[in-house]
Amino acid sequence: MAAVTIRNLSDEAHRALKIRAAKHNRSAEAEMRAILEAALRPEGRLLLGTALAELFRDVGFTDEEVKVIESARDTRPAEPIRFD
């Protein structure tokens, strides 16, 4: 993983970063990572969970129908793949 050093950060920006980090219960370093990752994510990125939720919403499944599907689902752990 890459390491980045930020030089010449103003005292005001550093203080604001620490306050923001404290509000999110993170270290200043973790807050900087979160800020950079959020800023660099593509805007049009497809999120699978969001897409599935929209699909189910468009189809019009009711809560009862979802419960029926969940009750019929096989909950046994999957068998590992064998390469024999």
C-alpha atoms as a PDB file:
ATOM      1  CA  MET A   1       0.000   0.000   0.000  1.00  0.00           C
ATOM      2  CA  ALA A   2       1.217   3.470  -0.800  1.00  0.00           C
ATOM      3  CA  ALA A   3       2.166   6.051   1.805  1.00  0.00           C
ATOM      4  CA  VAL A   4       1.604   9.770   1.260  1.00  0.00           C
ATOM      5  CA  THR A   5       3.102  12.708   3.129  1.00  0.00           C
ATOM      6  CA  ILE A   6       1.255  16.024   3.111  1.00  0.00           C
ATOM      7  CA  ARG A   7       3.498  19.001   3.670  1.00  0.00           C
ATOM      8  CA  ASN A   8       2.651  22.632   4.387  1.00  0.00           C
ATOM      9  CA  LEU A   9      -0.867  21.955   5.653  1.00  0.00           C
ATOM     10  CA  SER A  10      -2.077  25.061   7.448  1.00  0.00           C
ATOM     11  CA  ASP A  11      -2.705  24.879  11.177  1.00  0.00           C
ATOM     12  CA  GLU A  12      -6.340  25.798  10.506  1.00  0.00           C
ATOM     13  CA  ALA A  13      -6.801  22.920   8.035  1.00  0.00           C
ATOM     14  CA  HIS A  14      -5.081  20.500  10.427  1.00  0.00           C
ATOM     15  CA  ARG A  15      -7.334  21.600  13.291  1.00  0.00           C
ATOM     16  CA  ALA A  16     -10.436  21.245  11.086  1.00  0.00           C
ATOM     17  CA  LEU A  17      -9.280  17.776  10.041  1.00  0.00           C
ATOM     18  CA  LYS A  18      -8.878  16.694  13.645  1.00  0.00           C
ATOM     19  CA  ILE A  19     -12.345  18.012  14.524  1.00  0.00           C
ATOM     20  CA  ARG A  20     -13.901  16.247  11.540  1.00  0.00           C
ATOM     21  CA  ALA A  21     -12.091  13.024  12.450  1.00  0.00           C
ATOM     22  CA  ALA A  22     -13.317  13.219  16.038  1.00  0.00           C
ATOM     23  CA  LYS A  23     -16.913  13.652  14.833  1.00  0.00           C
ATOM     24  CA  HIS A  24     -16.538  10.421  12.836  1.00  0.00           C
ATOM     25  CA  ASN A  25     -14.701   8.605  15.653  1.00  0.00           C
ATOM     26  CA  ARG A  26     -11.602   8.180  13.497  1.00  0.00           C
ATOM     27  CA  SER A  27      -7.971   9.191  13.653  1.00  0.00           C
ATOM     28  CA  ALA A  28      -6.838  12.119  11.525  1.00  0.00           C
ATOM     29  CA  GLU A  29      -5.062   9.647   9.249  1.00  0.00           C
ATOM     30  CA  ALA A  30      -8.202   7.522   8.806  1.00  0.00           C
ATOM     31  CA  GLU A  31     -10.220  10.680   8.110  1.00  0.00           C
ATOM     32  CA  MET A  32      -7.757  11.738   5.399  1.00  0.00           C
ATOM     33  CA  ARG A  33      -8.084   8.297   3.783  1.00  0.00           C
ATOM     34  CA  ALA A  34     -11.878   8.547   3.868  1.00  0.00           C
ATOM     35  CA  ILE A  35     -11.818  12.035   2.326  1.00  0.00           C
ATOM     36  CA  LEU A  36      -9.456  10.971  -0.471  1.00  0.00           C
ATOM     37  CA  GLU A  37     -11.342   7.771  -1.243  1.00  0.00           C
ATOM     38  CA  ALA A  38     -14.689   9.604  -1.371  1.00  0.00           C
ATOM     39  CA  ALA A  39     -13.240  12.300  -3.619  1.00  0.00           C
ATOM     40  CA  LEU A  40     -11.722   9.789  -6.036  1.00  0.00           C
ATOM     41  CA  ARG A  41     -14.673   7.408  -6.477  1.00  0.00           C
ATOM     42  CA  PRO A  42     -16.243   7.608  -9.926  1.00  0.00           C
ATOM     43  CA  GLU A  43     -19.570   9.456  -9.817  1.00  0.00           C
ATOM     44  CA  GLY A  44     -21.413   7.052 -12.092  1.00  0.00           C
ATOM     45  CA  ARG A  45     -20.292   3.971 -10.198  1.00  0.00           C
ATOM     46  CA  LEU A  46     -22.898   1.232 -10.016  1.00  0.00           C
ATOM     47  CA  LEU A  47     -23.468  -0.061  -6.506  1.00  0.00           C
ATOM     48  CA  LEU A  48     -24.778  -3.618  -6.610  1.00  0.00           C
ATOM     49  CA  GLY A  49     -26.923  -3.325  -3.490  1.00  0.00           C
ATOM     50  CA  THR A  50     -28.522  -0.120  -4.757  1.00  0.00           C
ATOM     51  CA  ALA A  51     -29.181  -1.677  -8.164  1.00  0.00           C
ATOM     52  CA  LEU A  52     -30.811  -4.753  -6.597  1.00  0.00           C
ATOM     53  CA  ALA A  53     -32.956  -2.624  -4.296  1.00  0.00           C
ATOM     54  CA  GLU A  54     -34.143  -0.563  -7.275  1.00  0.00           C
ATOM     55  CA  LEU A  55     -34.866  -3.728  -9.250  1.00  0.00           C
ATOM     56  CA  PHE A  56     -37.013  -5.166  -6.460  1.00  0.00           C
ATOM     57  CA  ARG A  57     -38.736  -1.794  -6.015  1.00  0.00           C
ATOM     58  CA  ASP A  58     -39.503  -1.617  -9.762  1.00  0.00           C
ATOM     59  CA  VAL A  59     -40.833  -5.184  -9.815  1.00  0.00           C
ATOM     60  CA  GLY A  60     -43.085  -4.316  -6.906  1.00  0.00           C
ATOM     61  CA  PHE A  61     -42.289  -7.089  -4.449  1.00  0.00           C
ATOM     62  CA  THR A  62     -44.110  -6.685  -1.169  1.00  0.00           C
ATOM     63  CA  ASP A  63     -42.534  -7.427   2.200  1.00  0.00           C
ATOM     64  CA  GLU A  64     -44.584 -10.628   2.371  1.00  0.00           C
ATOM     65  CA  GLU A  65     -43.266 -11.816  -0.996  1.00  0.00           C
ATOM     66  CA  VAL A  66     -39.696 -11.118   0.087  1.00  0.00           C
ATOM     67  CA  LYS A  67     -40.282 -13.136   3.271  1.00  0.00           C
ATOM     68  CA  VAL A  68     -41.589 -16.067   1.203  1.00  0.00           C
ATOM     69  CA  ILE A  69     -38.496 -15.946  -1.026  1.00  0.00           C
ATOM     70  CA  GLU A  70     -36.200 -15.788   2.012  1.00  0.00           C
ATOM     71  CA  SER A  71     -37.954 -18.723   3.700  1.00  0.00           C
ATOM     72  CA  ALA A  72     -37.521 -20.877   0.575  1.00  0.00           C
ATOM     73  CA  ARG A  73     -33.828 -20.052   0.253  1.00  0.00           C
ATOM     74  CA  ASP A  74     -31.290 -22.801   0.892  1.00  0.00           C
ATOM     75  CA  THR A  75     -29.366 -21.629   3.960  1.00  0.00           C
ATOM     76  CA  ARG A  76     -26.887 -24.503   4.085  1.00  0.00           C
ATOM     77  CA  PRO A  77     -23.251 -23.466   3.701  1.00  0.00           C
ATOM     78  CA  ALA A  78     -21.916 -23.866   0.180  1.00  0.00           C
ATOM     79  CA  GLU A  79     -19.589 -26.769  -0.498  1.00  0.00           C
ATOM     80  CA  PRO A  80     -16.056 -25.714  -1.379  1.00  0.00           C
ATOM     81  CA  ILE A  81     -14.988 -26.120  -5.002  1.00  0.00           C
ATOM     82  CA  ARG A  82     -13.009 -29.268  -5.696  1.00  0.00           C
ATOM     83  CA  PHE A  83     -10.226 -29.316  -8.242  1.00  0.00           C
ATOM     84  CA  ASP A  84      -9.699 -33.092  -8.271  1.00  0.00           C
END
